Amino acid sequence: MLELRSVTAGYDRRAPVVRDVTLTVGAGEAVGLQGPSGCGKSTLARVAALLHRPDTGHVVLDGGAARGWRHRAPRSQRTAFGVVFQQPRLSADPRLPLADLIAEPLRSNGRPVDAVPELAETVGLGADLLDRRPHEVSDGQLQRACLARALALRPRWLVCDEMTAMLDASTTAALVGVVEAYRRESGAGLLAVGHDRVLLERWCDRTVGWAELTSG
């Protein structure tokens, strides 16, 4: 289970954007977190994925407390997460061809990169695109590469932060399908963050509104 316990977080301790929020995601469960832009849901998602240290509160993975944040997190906890962000161009090194982008987590963890072609195929990314850099592909193609990168280490938890917000309907359906196929095969849990409640309710086992989390 992934547990966020009484989390307060932000970028200025005097004005946190997340205040005393508790949220759980069961093993294999898909939870949607819905709310308007700027409410703090993306900050909470980053806390959940061990990318942002909360001011107060705890993140608990399978009964064990998180023991660090970002690169200071133990490898076993850090690599338990695969994260896909809203804007692929902000989360991709513009100098890297897509093959190297997908291979980043494999290389950084000392693993072979021969799985890259299979990962690309899994997300519907043609082999002819793997030598191209981000500026040479569409947003949808780049987001497919970012999803492949998130799946590279076979994470136990996926955090999709507005993953489809910039995509057309067909690409949205395709990427949601990839995530769900991976979850069925691996048993991974999912925290899907977004503002589109209809999409989240179709996608997830349950959807929680931001107001529900913060009303107490």
N, C-alpha and C. Protein backbone atom coordinates (compact mmCIF):
# COMPACT_ATOMS: atom_id res chain seq x y z
N MET A 1 0.84 -1.20 0.00
CA MET A 1 0.00 0.00 0.00
C MET A 1 0.87 1.26 0.00
N LEU A 2 0.43 2.26 -0.73
CA LEU A 2 1.06 3.58 -0.73
C LEU A 2 0.19 4.49 0.13
N GLU A 3 0.79 5.06 1.17
CA GLU A 3 0.04 5.89 2.09
C GLU A 3 0.68 7.27 2.22
N LEU A 4 -0.14 8.29 2.09
CA LEU A 4 0.26 9.65 2.40
C LEU A 4 -0.48 10.04 3.67
N ARG A 5 0.27 10.29 4.72
CA ARG A 5 -0.33 10.52 6.03
C ARG A 5 -0.13 11.96 6.47
N SER A 6 -1.21 12.70 6.55
CA SER A 6 -1.20 14.08 7.08
C SER A 6 -0.10 14.92 6.45
N VAL A 7 -0.06 14.92 5.11
CA VAL A 7 1.00 15.61 4.39
C VAL A 7 0.69 17.09 4.23
N THR A 8 1.64 17.91 4.62
CA THR A 8 1.63 19.34 4.31
C THR A 8 2.89 19.62 3.49
N ALA A 9 2.72 20.29 2.36
CA ALA A 9 3.86 20.48 1.46
C ALA A 9 3.66 21.70 0.59
N GLY A 10 4.76 22.20 0.07
CA GLY A 10 4.74 23.34 -0.84
C GLY A 10 6.17 23.77 -1.13
N TYR A 11 6.31 25.01 -1.54
CA TYR A 11 7.62 25.53 -1.92
C TYR A 11 8.00 26.73 -1.06
N ASP A 12 7.13 27.06 -0.11
CA ASP A 12 7.36 28.10 0.88
C ASP A 12 6.65 27.65 2.14
N ARG A 13 7.40 27.38 3.18
CA ARG A 13 6.80 26.85 4.41
C ARG A 13 5.74 27.79 4.98
N ARG A 14 5.82 29.07 4.64
CA ARG A 14 4.84 30.01 5.16
C ARG A 14 3.52 29.94 4.41
N ALA A 15 3.53 29.29 3.23
CA ALA A 15 2.31 29.23 2.42
C ALA A 15 2.24 27.90 1.68
N PRO A 16 2.07 26.79 2.40
CA PRO A 16 2.00 25.48 1.74
C PRO A 16 0.79 25.38 0.83
N VAL A 17 0.94 24.63 -0.26
CA VAL A 17 -0.18 24.44 -1.19
C VAL A 17 -0.96 23.17 -0.86
N VAL A 18 -0.37 22.28 -0.06
CA VAL A 18 -1.03 21.07 0.42
C VAL A 18 -1.03 21.13 1.93
N ARG A 19 -2.21 20.96 2.54
CA ARG A 19 -2.31 21.09 3.99
C ARG A 19 -2.99 19.86 4.59
N ASP A 20 -2.24 19.09 5.34
CA ASP A 20 -2.78 18.00 6.15
C ASP A 20 -3.65 17.03 5.34
N VAL A 21 -3.08 16.52 4.24
CA VAL A 21 -3.82 15.63 3.34
C VAL A 21 -3.41 14.19 3.59
N THR A 22 -4.40 13.33 3.66
CA THR A 22 -4.18 11.89 3.80
C THR A 22 -4.83 11.18 2.62
N LEU A 23 -4.08 10.28 1.98
CA LEU A 23 -4.57 9.55 0.82
C LEU A 23 -3.88 8.19 0.77
N THR A 24 -4.62 7.15 0.41
CA THR A 24 -4.04 5.82 0.28
C THR A 24 -4.35 5.25 -1.10
N VAL A 25 -3.40 4.45 -1.61
CA VAL A 25 -3.58 3.70 -2.85
C VAL A 25 -3.20 2.26 -2.54
N GLY A 26 -4.15 1.36 -2.67
CA GLY A 26 -3.88 -0.04 -2.38
C GLY A 26 -3.05 -0.69 -3.47
N ALA A 27 -2.40 -1.79 -3.13
CA ALA A 27 -1.62 -2.53 -4.12
C ALA A 27 -2.55 -2.96 -5.26
N GLY A 28 -2.16 -2.62 -6.48
CA GLY A 28 -2.96 -2.97 -7.64
C GLY A 28 -4.16 -2.07 -7.88
N GLU A 29 -4.37 -1.09 -7.04
CA GLU A 29 -5.52 -0.21 -7.16
C GLU A 29 -5.20 1.00 -8.03
N ALA A 30 -6.20 1.49 -8.77
CA ALA A 30 -6.07 2.73 -9.53
C ALA A 30 -6.92 3.80 -8.86
N VAL A 31 -6.26 4.85 -8.39
CA VAL A 31 -6.95 5.95 -7.72
C VAL A 31 -6.79 7.21 -8.54
N GLY A 32 -7.90 7.86 -8.83
CA GLY A 32 -7.86 9.15 -9.51
C GLY A 32 -7.91 10.27 -8.50
N LEU A 33 -7.10 11.29 -8.72
CA LEU A 33 -7.10 12.49 -7.88
C LEU A 33 -7.49 13.65 -8.77
N GLN A 34 -8.68 14.19 -8.56
CA GLN A 34 -9.24 15.20 -9.45
C GLN A 34 -9.31 16.56 -8.75
N GLY A 35 -8.94 17.59 -9.49
CA GLY A 35 -9.03 18.93 -8.94
C GLY A 35 -8.65 19.96 -9.97
N PRO A 36 -8.97 21.24 -9.73
CA PRO A 36 -8.65 22.30 -10.68
C PRO A 36 -7.17 22.61 -10.72
N SER A 37 -6.76 23.29 -11.77
CA SER A 37 -5.36 23.70 -11.88
C SER A 37 -4.97 24.58 -10.71
N GLY A 38 -3.77 24.34 -10.18
CA GLY A 38 -3.23 25.17 -9.12
C GLY A 38 -3.67 24.82 -7.72
N CYS A 39 -4.45 23.73 -7.57
CA CYS A 39 -4.96 23.42 -6.24
C CYS A 39 -3.92 22.73 -5.34
N GLY A 40 -2.89 22.14 -5.93
CA GLY A 40 -1.87 21.46 -5.15
C GLY A 40 -1.77 19.97 -5.43
N LYS A 41 -2.60 19.46 -6.33
CA LYS A 41 -2.60 18.01 -6.58
C LYS A 41 -1.30 17.53 -7.20
N SER A 42 -0.66 18.34 -8.05
CA SER A 42 0.62 17.93 -8.63
C SER A 42 1.72 17.90 -7.59
N THR A 43 1.68 18.83 -6.65
CA THR A 43 2.65 18.80 -5.55
C THR A 43 2.48 17.54 -4.73
N LEU A 44 1.23 17.18 -4.45
CA LEU A 44 0.97 15.95 -3.69
C LEU A 44 1.47 14.73 -4.47
N ALA A 45 1.28 14.73 -5.78
CA ALA A 45 1.76 13.61 -6.60
C ALA A 45 3.28 13.50 -6.53
N ARG A 46 3.98 14.62 -6.52
CA ARG A 46 5.44 14.60 -6.42
C ARG A 46 5.88 14.09 -5.05
N VAL A 47 5.15 14.45 -4.01
CA VAL A 47 5.45 13.90 -2.68
C VAL A 47 5.26 12.39 -2.69
N ALA A 48 4.16 11.92 -3.29
CA ALA A 48 3.86 10.49 -3.33
C ALA A 48 4.97 9.71 -4.03
N ALA A 49 5.55 10.30 -5.08
CA ALA A 49 6.59 9.63 -5.86
C ALA A 49 8.00 9.86 -5.31
N LEU A 50 8.09 10.44 -4.12
CA LEU A 50 9.37 10.72 -3.46
C LEU A 50 10.21 11.73 -4.21
N LEU A 51 9.57 12.63 -4.95
CA LEU A 51 10.27 13.67 -5.69
C LEU A 51 10.25 15.02 -4.97
N HIS A 52 9.45 15.14 -3.92
CA HIS A 52 9.36 16.41 -3.19
C HIS A 52 9.16 16.08 -1.71
N ARG A 53 10.02 16.62 -0.89
CA ARG A 53 9.96 16.36 0.56
C ARG A 53 8.83 17.18 1.19
N PRO A 54 7.92 16.54 1.91
CA PRO A 54 6.86 17.32 2.57
C PRO A 54 7.40 18.11 3.75
N ASP A 55 6.69 19.18 4.08
CA ASP A 55 7.06 19.94 5.27
C ASP A 55 6.76 19.13 6.53
N THR A 56 5.61 18.48 6.54
CA THR A 56 5.23 17.60 7.63
C THR A 56 4.45 16.42 7.04
N GLY A 57 4.32 15.37 7.84
CA GLY A 57 3.61 14.19 7.38
C GLY A 57 4.56 13.11 6.90
N HIS A 58 3.99 12.00 6.44
CA HIS A 58 4.79 10.83 6.09
C HIS A 58 4.29 10.19 4.81
N VAL A 59 5.22 9.57 4.08
CA VAL A 59 4.90 8.68 2.98
C VAL A 59 5.32 7.29 3.41
N VAL A 60 4.41 6.32 3.28
CA VAL A 60 4.66 4.96 3.72
C VAL A 60 4.44 4.01 2.55
N LEU A 61 5.45 3.19 2.27
CA LEU A 61 5.39 2.21 1.18
C LEU A 61 5.37 0.81 1.77
N ASP A 62 4.26 0.13 1.56
CA ASP A 62 4.14 -1.26 2.02
C ASP A 62 4.55 -1.40 3.48
N GLY A 63 4.12 -0.44 4.29
CA GLY A 63 4.37 -0.49 5.72
C GLY A 63 5.67 0.13 6.18
N GLY A 64 6.54 0.51 5.24
CA GLY A 64 7.82 1.11 5.60
C GLY A 64 7.87 2.59 5.23
N ALA A 65 8.31 3.43 6.14
CA ALA A 65 8.37 4.86 5.89
C ALA A 65 9.39 5.20 4.82
N ALA A 66 9.08 6.19 4.00
CA ALA A 66 10.05 6.70 3.03
C ALA A 66 11.29 7.18 3.78
N ARG A 67 12.46 6.83 3.24
CA ARG A 67 13.71 7.12 3.95
C ARG A 67 14.57 8.16 3.22
N GLY A 68 13.95 8.90 2.31
CA GLY A 68 14.69 9.94 1.60
C GLY A 68 13.88 10.42 0.42
N TRP A 69 14.38 11.46 -0.22
CA TRP A 69 13.65 12.10 -1.30
C TRP A 69 14.57 12.32 -2.49
N ARG A 70 14.01 12.21 -3.67
CA ARG A 70 14.76 12.34 -4.91
C ARG A 70 15.95 11.37 -4.88
N HIS A 71 17.15 11.85 -5.19
CA HIS A 71 18.29 10.95 -5.30
C HIS A 71 18.79 10.44 -3.95
N ARG A 72 18.30 11.03 -2.87
CA ARG A 72 18.68 10.55 -1.54
C ARG A 72 17.80 9.40 -1.06
N ALA A 73 16.73 9.12 -1.78
CA ALA A 73 15.89 7.97 -1.43
C ALA A 73 16.65 6.68 -1.72
N PRO A 74 16.50 5.66 -0.90
CA PRO A 74 17.13 4.38 -1.20
C PRO A 74 16.69 3.88 -2.59
N ARG A 75 17.59 3.23 -3.28
CA ARG A 75 17.28 2.80 -4.64
C ARG A 75 16.02 1.93 -4.69
N SER A 76 15.85 1.06 -3.70
CA SER A 76 14.69 0.16 -3.70
C SER A 76 13.38 0.92 -3.64
N GLN A 77 13.37 2.07 -2.94
CA GLN A 77 12.17 2.89 -2.88
C GLN A 77 12.06 3.80 -4.09
N ARG A 78 13.18 4.39 -4.49
CA ARG A 78 13.17 5.31 -5.63
C ARG A 78 12.70 4.64 -6.90
N THR A 79 13.17 3.41 -7.13
CA THR A 79 12.85 2.72 -8.37
C THR A 79 11.50 2.02 -8.32
N ALA A 80 10.82 2.11 -7.18
CA ALA A 80 9.47 1.53 -7.09
C ALA A 80 8.45 2.37 -7.84
N PHE A 81 8.84 3.59 -8.25
CA PHE A 81 7.91 4.51 -8.89
C PHE A 81 8.28 4.78 -10.35
N GLY A 82 7.26 4.82 -11.17
CA GLY A 82 7.39 5.35 -12.52
C GLY A 82 6.47 6.55 -12.63
N VAL A 83 6.99 7.66 -13.13
CA VAL A 83 6.24 8.91 -13.14
C VAL A 83 6.16 9.46 -14.56
N VAL A 84 4.96 9.91 -14.94
CA VAL A 84 4.75 10.58 -16.22
C VAL A 84 4.13 11.94 -15.93
N PHE A 85 4.76 12.99 -16.42
CA PHE A 85 4.31 14.35 -16.15
C PHE A 85 3.44 14.89 -17.29
N GLN A 86 2.82 16.03 -17.02
CA GLN A 86 1.91 16.63 -17.99
C GLN A 86 2.62 17.10 -19.25
N GLN A 87 3.76 17.77 -19.10
CA GLN A 87 4.43 18.40 -20.23
C GLN A 87 5.70 17.61 -20.57
N PRO A 88 5.63 16.77 -21.57
CA PRO A 88 6.80 15.93 -21.87
C PRO A 88 8.03 16.73 -22.24
N ARG A 89 7.85 17.91 -22.83
CA ARG A 89 9.03 18.68 -23.25
C ARG A 89 9.79 19.28 -22.07
N LEU A 90 9.13 19.39 -20.94
CA LEU A 90 9.82 19.87 -19.74
C LEU A 90 10.48 18.73 -18.97
N SER A 91 10.09 17.49 -19.27
CA SER A 91 10.65 16.36 -18.53
C SER A 91 11.60 15.52 -19.37
N ALA A 92 11.89 15.98 -20.59
CA ALA A 92 12.79 15.25 -21.48
C ALA A 92 14.00 16.11 -21.81
N ASP A 93 15.18 15.54 -21.73
CA ASP A 93 16.41 16.24 -22.11
C ASP A 93 16.37 16.46 -23.62
N PRO A 94 16.35 17.71 -24.08
CA PRO A 94 16.22 17.96 -25.52
C PRO A 94 17.40 17.47 -26.35
N ARG A 95 18.52 17.13 -25.69
CA ARG A 95 19.71 16.68 -26.42
C ARG A 95 19.67 15.18 -26.73
N LEU A 96 18.78 14.45 -26.06
CA LEU A 96 18.80 13.00 -26.17
C LEU A 96 17.84 12.49 -27.24
N PRO A 97 18.29 11.57 -28.10
CA PRO A 97 17.33 10.87 -28.96
C PRO A 97 16.40 10.03 -28.09
N LEU A 98 15.24 9.69 -28.63
CA LEU A 98 14.24 9.01 -27.83
C LEU A 98 14.74 7.69 -27.27
N ALA A 99 15.58 6.98 -28.00
CA ALA A 99 16.12 5.72 -27.48
C ALA A 99 16.89 5.95 -26.19
N ASP A 100 17.69 7.01 -26.14
CA ASP A 100 18.46 7.30 -24.93
C ASP A 100 17.56 7.83 -23.82
N LEU A 101 16.51 8.55 -24.19
CA LEU A 101 15.55 9.03 -23.20
C LEU A 101 14.91 7.84 -22.48
N ILE A 102 14.46 6.86 -23.24
CA ILE A 102 13.84 5.67 -22.65
C ILE A 102 14.85 4.90 -21.80
N ALA A 103 16.10 4.89 -22.24
CA ALA A 103 17.13 4.11 -21.56
C ALA A 103 17.67 4.77 -20.29
N GLU A 104 17.35 6.05 -20.05
CA GLU A 104 17.92 6.77 -18.91
C GLU A 104 17.84 6.01 -17.59
N PRO A 105 16.66 5.55 -17.16
CA PRO A 105 16.62 4.87 -15.85
C PRO A 105 17.37 3.54 -15.85
N LEU A 106 17.43 2.88 -16.98
CA LEU A 106 18.18 1.62 -17.06
C LEU A 106 19.67 1.89 -16.86
N ARG A 107 20.18 2.87 -17.59
CA ARG A 107 21.61 3.20 -17.47
C ARG A 107 21.95 3.67 -16.07
N SER A 108 21.11 4.52 -15.50
CA SER A 108 21.44 5.09 -14.19
C SER A 108 21.40 4.06 -13.09
N ASN A 109 20.76 2.92 -13.36
CA ASN A 109 20.71 1.85 -12.36
C ASN A 109 21.55 0.65 -12.77
N GLY A 110 22.44 0.85 -13.76
CA GLY A 110 23.37 -0.20 -14.14
C GLY A 110 22.75 -1.40 -14.80
N ARG A 111 21.64 -1.21 -15.48
CA ARG A 111 20.95 -2.33 -16.13
C ARG A 111 21.15 -2.25 -17.64
N PRO A 112 21.09 -3.38 -18.33
CA PRO A 112 21.25 -3.37 -19.78
C PRO A 112 20.10 -2.63 -20.46
N VAL A 113 20.40 -2.07 -21.62
CA VAL A 113 19.42 -1.24 -22.32
C VAL A 113 18.79 -1.96 -23.50
N ASP A 114 18.99 -3.27 -23.57
CA ASP A 114 18.46 -3.98 -24.73
C ASP A 114 16.94 -4.09 -24.73
N ALA A 115 16.29 -3.68 -23.64
CA ALA A 115 14.83 -3.70 -23.58
C ALA A 115 14.20 -2.48 -24.26
N VAL A 116 15.00 -1.51 -24.68
CA VAL A 116 14.45 -0.27 -25.22
C VAL A 116 13.54 -0.50 -26.43
N PRO A 117 13.93 -1.29 -27.44
CA PRO A 117 13.02 -1.50 -28.57
C PRO A 117 11.67 -2.10 -28.15
N GLU A 118 11.68 -3.03 -27.21
CA GLU A 118 10.43 -3.63 -26.75
C GLU A 118 9.58 -2.60 -25.99
N LEU A 119 10.22 -1.78 -25.17
CA LEU A 119 9.49 -0.73 -24.46
C LEU A 119 8.85 0.25 -25.45
N ALA A 120 9.60 0.62 -26.48
CA ALA A 120 9.07 1.53 -27.48
C ALA A 120 7.86 0.91 -28.19
N GLU A 121 7.98 -0.35 -28.52
CA GLU A 121 6.86 -1.04 -29.18
C GLU A 121 5.64 -1.11 -28.27
N THR A 122 5.87 -1.33 -26.99
CA THR A 122 4.77 -1.43 -26.03
C THR A 122 3.93 -0.17 -26.00
N VAL A 123 4.57 0.99 -26.12
CA VAL A 123 3.83 2.25 -26.06
C VAL A 123 3.42 2.76 -27.44
N GLY A 124 3.66 1.96 -28.48
CA GLY A 124 3.25 2.35 -29.82
C GLY A 124 4.17 3.34 -30.49
N LEU A 125 5.44 3.31 -30.13
CA LEU A 125 6.42 4.23 -30.69
C LEU A 125 7.23 3.49 -31.75
N GLY A 126 7.14 3.95 -32.99
CA GLY A 126 7.81 3.27 -34.09
C GLY A 126 9.33 3.31 -33.96
N ALA A 127 9.98 2.24 -34.42
CA ALA A 127 11.44 2.15 -34.36
C ALA A 127 12.10 3.28 -35.13
N ASP A 128 11.42 3.79 -36.16
CA ASP A 128 11.99 4.86 -36.98
C ASP A 128 12.10 6.18 -36.22
N LEU A 129 11.44 6.27 -35.06
CA LEU A 129 11.47 7.52 -34.28
C LEU A 129 12.54 7.51 -33.20
N LEU A 130 13.15 6.37 -32.93
CA LEU A 130 14.03 6.27 -31.78
C LEU A 130 15.32 7.07 -31.92
N ASP A 131 15.72 7.39 -33.13
CA ASP A 131 16.92 8.20 -33.33
C ASP A 131 16.63 9.69 -33.35
N ARG A 132 15.36 10.05 -33.25
CA ARG A 132 15.00 11.47 -33.29
C ARG A 132 15.04 12.09 -31.90
N ARG A 133 15.31 13.40 -31.88
CA ARG A 133 15.32 14.15 -30.63
C ARG A 133 13.94 14.76 -30.39
N PRO A 134 13.69 15.22 -29.16
CA PRO A 134 12.35 15.70 -28.83
C PRO A 134 11.78 16.74 -29.79
N HIS A 135 12.61 17.65 -30.29
CA HIS A 135 12.07 18.69 -31.18
C HIS A 135 11.67 18.15 -32.54
N GLU A 136 12.02 16.90 -32.82
CA GLU A 136 11.73 16.30 -34.11
C GLU A 136 10.49 15.40 -34.08
N VAL A 137 9.81 15.34 -32.92
CA VAL A 137 8.62 14.50 -32.81
C VAL A 137 7.47 15.32 -32.22
N SER A 138 6.26 14.79 -32.30
CA SER A 138 5.09 15.46 -31.76
C SER A 138 5.01 15.30 -30.25
N ASP A 139 4.12 16.07 -29.62
CA ASP A 139 3.91 15.92 -28.17
C ASP A 139 3.47 14.50 -27.83
N GLY A 140 2.57 13.95 -28.65
CA GLY A 140 2.09 12.61 -28.38
C GLY A 140 3.19 11.56 -28.48
N GLN A 141 4.03 11.69 -29.49
CA GLN A 141 5.14 10.75 -29.64
C GLN A 141 6.13 10.87 -28.49
N LEU A 142 6.38 12.10 -28.07
CA LEU A 142 7.31 12.31 -26.96
C LEU A 142 6.72 11.78 -25.66
N GLN A 143 5.42 11.96 -25.47
CA GLN A 143 4.81 11.43 -24.25
C GLN A 143 4.82 9.91 -24.24
N ARG A 144 4.71 9.28 -25.41
CA ARG A 144 4.85 7.83 -25.48
C ARG A 144 6.24 7.42 -24.99
N ALA A 145 7.26 8.16 -25.42
CA ALA A 145 8.62 7.85 -24.97
C ALA A 145 8.76 8.04 -23.47
N CYS A 146 8.12 9.09 -22.93
CA CYS A 146 8.19 9.33 -21.49
C CYS A 146 7.49 8.22 -20.71
N LEU A 147 6.39 7.69 -21.25
CA LEU A 147 5.72 6.57 -20.60
C LEU A 147 6.60 5.33 -20.65
N ALA A 148 7.24 5.08 -21.80
CA ALA A 148 8.16 3.94 -21.89
C ALA A 148 9.28 4.08 -20.86
N ARG A 149 9.80 5.28 -20.69
CA ARG A 149 10.84 5.52 -19.68
C ARG A 149 10.32 5.20 -18.28
N ALA A 150 9.07 5.58 -18.00
CA ALA A 150 8.49 5.33 -16.69
C ALA A 150 8.31 3.85 -16.41
N LEU A 151 8.12 3.06 -17.46
CA LEU A 151 7.91 1.62 -17.29
C LEU A 151 9.20 0.81 -17.31
N ALA A 152 10.31 1.47 -17.63
CA ALA A 152 11.56 0.75 -17.92
C ALA A 152 12.02 -0.13 -16.76
N LEU A 153 11.86 0.34 -15.52
CA LEU A 153 12.33 -0.42 -14.36
C LEU A 153 11.22 -1.28 -13.75
N ARG A 154 10.12 -1.43 -14.47
CA ARG A 154 8.98 -2.21 -14.01
C ARG A 154 8.57 -1.80 -12.59
N PRO A 155 8.10 -0.56 -12.44
CA PRO A 155 7.77 -0.04 -11.12
C PRO A 155 6.54 -0.71 -10.51
N ARG A 156 6.48 -0.67 -9.18
CA ARG A 156 5.31 -1.18 -8.46
C ARG A 156 4.21 -0.13 -8.37
N TRP A 157 4.59 1.13 -8.59
CA TRP A 157 3.63 2.23 -8.51
C TRP A 157 3.83 3.15 -9.69
N LEU A 158 2.74 3.55 -10.31
CA LEU A 158 2.77 4.55 -11.38
C LEU A 158 2.07 5.81 -10.89
N VAL A 159 2.70 6.94 -11.15
CA VAL A 159 2.10 8.24 -10.87
C VAL A 159 1.99 8.98 -12.20
N CYS A 160 0.78 9.20 -12.65
CA CYS A 160 0.53 9.88 -13.92
C CYS A 160 -0.09 11.24 -13.61
N ASP A 161 0.72 12.28 -13.71
CA ASP A 161 0.31 13.64 -13.34
C ASP A 161 -0.14 14.38 -14.59
N GLU A 162 -1.46 14.40 -14.83
CA GLU A 162 -2.02 15.06 -16.02
C GLU A 162 -1.35 14.51 -17.29
N MET A 163 -1.13 13.20 -17.32
CA MET A 163 -0.37 12.58 -18.41
C MET A 163 -0.97 12.86 -19.78
N THR A 164 -2.30 12.97 -19.85
CA THR A 164 -2.96 13.09 -21.16
C THR A 164 -3.49 14.49 -21.44
N ALA A 165 -3.18 15.46 -20.57
CA ALA A 165 -3.80 16.78 -20.69
C ALA A 165 -3.49 17.48 -22.01
N MET A 166 -2.33 17.20 -22.61
CA MET A 166 -1.93 17.89 -23.83
C MET A 166 -2.13 17.03 -25.08
N LEU A 167 -2.84 15.89 -24.94
CA LEU A 167 -2.93 14.93 -26.03
C LEU A 167 -4.32 14.88 -26.62
N ASP A 168 -4.41 14.41 -27.87
CA ASP A 168 -5.72 14.24 -28.49
C ASP A 168 -6.37 12.98 -27.96
N ALA A 169 -7.64 12.78 -28.33
CA ALA A 169 -8.43 11.70 -27.75
C ALA A 169 -7.86 10.33 -28.08
N SER A 170 -7.38 10.14 -29.31
CA SER A 170 -6.89 8.82 -29.69
C SER A 170 -5.59 8.48 -28.97
N THR A 171 -4.70 9.46 -28.81
CA THR A 171 -3.45 9.21 -28.08
C THR A 171 -3.73 9.00 -26.60
N THR A 172 -4.68 9.77 -26.06
CA THR A 172 -5.08 9.56 -24.67
C THR A 172 -5.55 8.14 -24.44
N ALA A 173 -6.43 7.66 -25.31
CA ALA A 173 -6.94 6.30 -25.17
C ALA A 173 -5.82 5.27 -25.28
N ALA A 174 -4.89 5.51 -26.19
CA ALA A 174 -3.79 4.56 -26.39
C ALA A 174 -2.90 4.48 -25.15
N LEU A 175 -2.55 5.64 -24.57
CA LEU A 175 -1.65 5.63 -23.43
C LEU A 175 -2.32 5.09 -22.18
N VAL A 176 -3.60 5.42 -21.98
CA VAL A 176 -4.33 4.83 -20.87
C VAL A 176 -4.38 3.31 -21.03
N GLY A 177 -4.56 2.86 -22.26
CA GLY A 177 -4.56 1.42 -22.52
C GLY A 177 -3.24 0.77 -22.18
N VAL A 178 -2.13 1.43 -22.47
CA VAL A 178 -0.80 0.90 -22.14
C VAL A 178 -0.64 0.78 -20.62
N VAL A 179 -1.04 1.84 -19.91
CA VAL A 179 -0.94 1.82 -18.45
C VAL A 179 -1.76 0.68 -17.87
N GLU A 180 -2.99 0.52 -18.36
CA GLU A 180 -3.85 -0.52 -17.82
C GLU A 180 -3.34 -1.92 -18.16
N ALA A 181 -2.79 -2.10 -19.35
CA ALA A 181 -2.20 -3.40 -19.69
C ALA A 181 -1.03 -3.72 -18.76
N TYR A 182 -0.21 -2.72 -18.49
CA TYR A 182 0.92 -2.94 -17.57
C TYR A 182 0.42 -3.28 -16.17
N ARG A 183 -0.60 -2.58 -15.72
CA ARG A 183 -1.13 -2.84 -14.37
C ARG A 183 -1.71 -4.25 -14.27
N ARG A 184 -2.43 -4.68 -15.29
CA ARG A 184 -3.00 -6.03 -15.26
C ARG A 184 -1.91 -7.09 -15.20
N GLU A 185 -0.83 -6.84 -15.94
CA GLU A 185 0.25 -7.82 -16.03
C GLU A 185 1.14 -7.81 -14.79
N SER A 186 1.33 -6.63 -14.19
CA SER A 186 2.30 -6.49 -13.10
C SER A 186 1.69 -6.37 -11.71
N GLY A 187 0.41 -5.98 -11.64
CA GLY A 187 -0.20 -5.72 -10.35
C GLY A 187 0.18 -4.39 -9.75
N ALA A 188 0.70 -3.47 -10.56
CA ALA A 188 1.12 -2.16 -10.06
C ALA A 188 -0.08 -1.32 -9.64
N GLY A 189 0.14 -0.47 -8.65
CA GLY A 189 -0.86 0.52 -8.26
C GLY A 189 -0.68 1.79 -9.07
N LEU A 190 -1.73 2.60 -9.12
CA LEU A 190 -1.72 3.82 -9.93
C LEU A 190 -2.33 4.98 -9.17
N LEU A 191 -1.65 6.12 -9.21
CA LEU A 191 -2.23 7.39 -8.81
C LEU A 191 -2.29 8.26 -10.06
N ALA A 192 -3.50 8.51 -10.55
CA ALA A 192 -3.69 9.30 -11.76
C ALA A 192 -4.26 10.65 -11.38
N VAL A 193 -3.53 11.70 -11.67
CA VAL A 193 -3.90 13.06 -11.30
C VAL A 193 -4.45 13.78 -12.52
N GLY A 194 -5.56 14.49 -12.36
CA GLY A 194 -6.10 15.22 -13.49
C GLY A 194 -7.25 16.12 -13.10
N HIS A 195 -7.72 16.89 -14.05
CA HIS A 195 -8.88 17.75 -13.81
C HIS A 195 -10.14 17.22 -14.46
N ASP A 196 -10.01 16.22 -15.34
CA ASP A 196 -11.14 15.66 -16.08
C ASP A 196 -11.72 14.49 -15.29
N ARG A 197 -12.79 14.77 -14.55
CA ARG A 197 -13.37 13.74 -13.69
C ARG A 197 -13.95 12.59 -14.50
N VAL A 198 -14.52 12.88 -15.68
CA VAL A 198 -15.10 11.83 -16.50
C VAL A 198 -14.02 10.82 -16.90
N LEU A 199 -12.87 11.31 -17.36
CA LEU A 199 -11.78 10.42 -17.73
C LEU A 199 -11.31 9.61 -16.53
N LEU A 200 -11.11 10.27 -15.40
CA LEU A 200 -10.60 9.57 -14.22
C LEU A 200 -11.58 8.50 -13.74
N GLU A 201 -12.87 8.79 -13.78
CA GLU A 201 -13.85 7.81 -13.30
C GLU A 201 -13.95 6.61 -14.24
N ARG A 202 -13.72 6.84 -15.52
CA ARG A 202 -13.69 5.72 -16.46
C ARG A 202 -12.42 4.88 -16.30
N TRP A 203 -11.35 5.55 -15.95
CA TRP A 203 -10.04 4.92 -15.89
C TRP A 203 -9.80 4.19 -14.58
N CYS A 204 -10.20 4.80 -13.47
CA CYS A 204 -9.74 4.37 -12.15
C CYS A 204 -10.81 3.58 -11.38
N ASP A 205 -10.34 2.85 -10.38
CA ASP A 205 -11.25 2.11 -9.50
C ASP A 205 -12.07 3.06 -8.65
N ARG A 206 -11.45 4.15 -8.22
CA ARG A 206 -12.16 5.19 -7.49
C ARG A 206 -11.49 6.53 -7.75
N THR A 207 -12.26 7.59 -7.64
CA THR A 207 -11.75 8.94 -7.88
C THR A 207 -12.06 9.80 -6.67
N VAL A 208 -11.05 10.54 -6.21
CA VAL A 208 -11.18 11.41 -5.05
C VAL A 208 -11.04 12.85 -5.51
N GLY A 209 -12.00 13.69 -5.14
CA GLY A 209 -11.90 15.11 -5.46
C GLY A 209 -11.01 15.83 -4.47
N TRP A 210 -10.30 16.83 -4.95
CA TRP A 210 -9.39 17.58 -4.07
C TRP A 210 -10.14 18.17 -2.89
N ALA A 211 -11.34 18.65 -3.12
CA ALA A 211 -12.12 19.24 -2.04
C ALA A 211 -12.43 18.21 -0.94
N GLU A 212 -12.59 16.94 -1.34
CA GLU A 212 -12.85 15.88 -0.35
C GLU A 212 -11.64 15.67 0.55
N LEU A 213 -10.43 15.84 0.00
CA LEU A 213 -9.22 15.62 0.77
C LEU A 213 -8.95 16.77 1.73
N THR A 214 -9.39 17.94 1.38
CA THR A 214 -9.00 19.14 2.14
C THR A 214 -10.14 19.74 2.94
N SER A 215 -11.30 19.11 2.91
CA SER A 215 -12.47 19.70 3.59
C SER A 215 -12.37 19.57 5.10
N GLY A 216 -11.56 18.61 5.56
CA GLY A 216 -11.43 18.42 7.02
C GLY A 216 -10.48 19.42 7.62
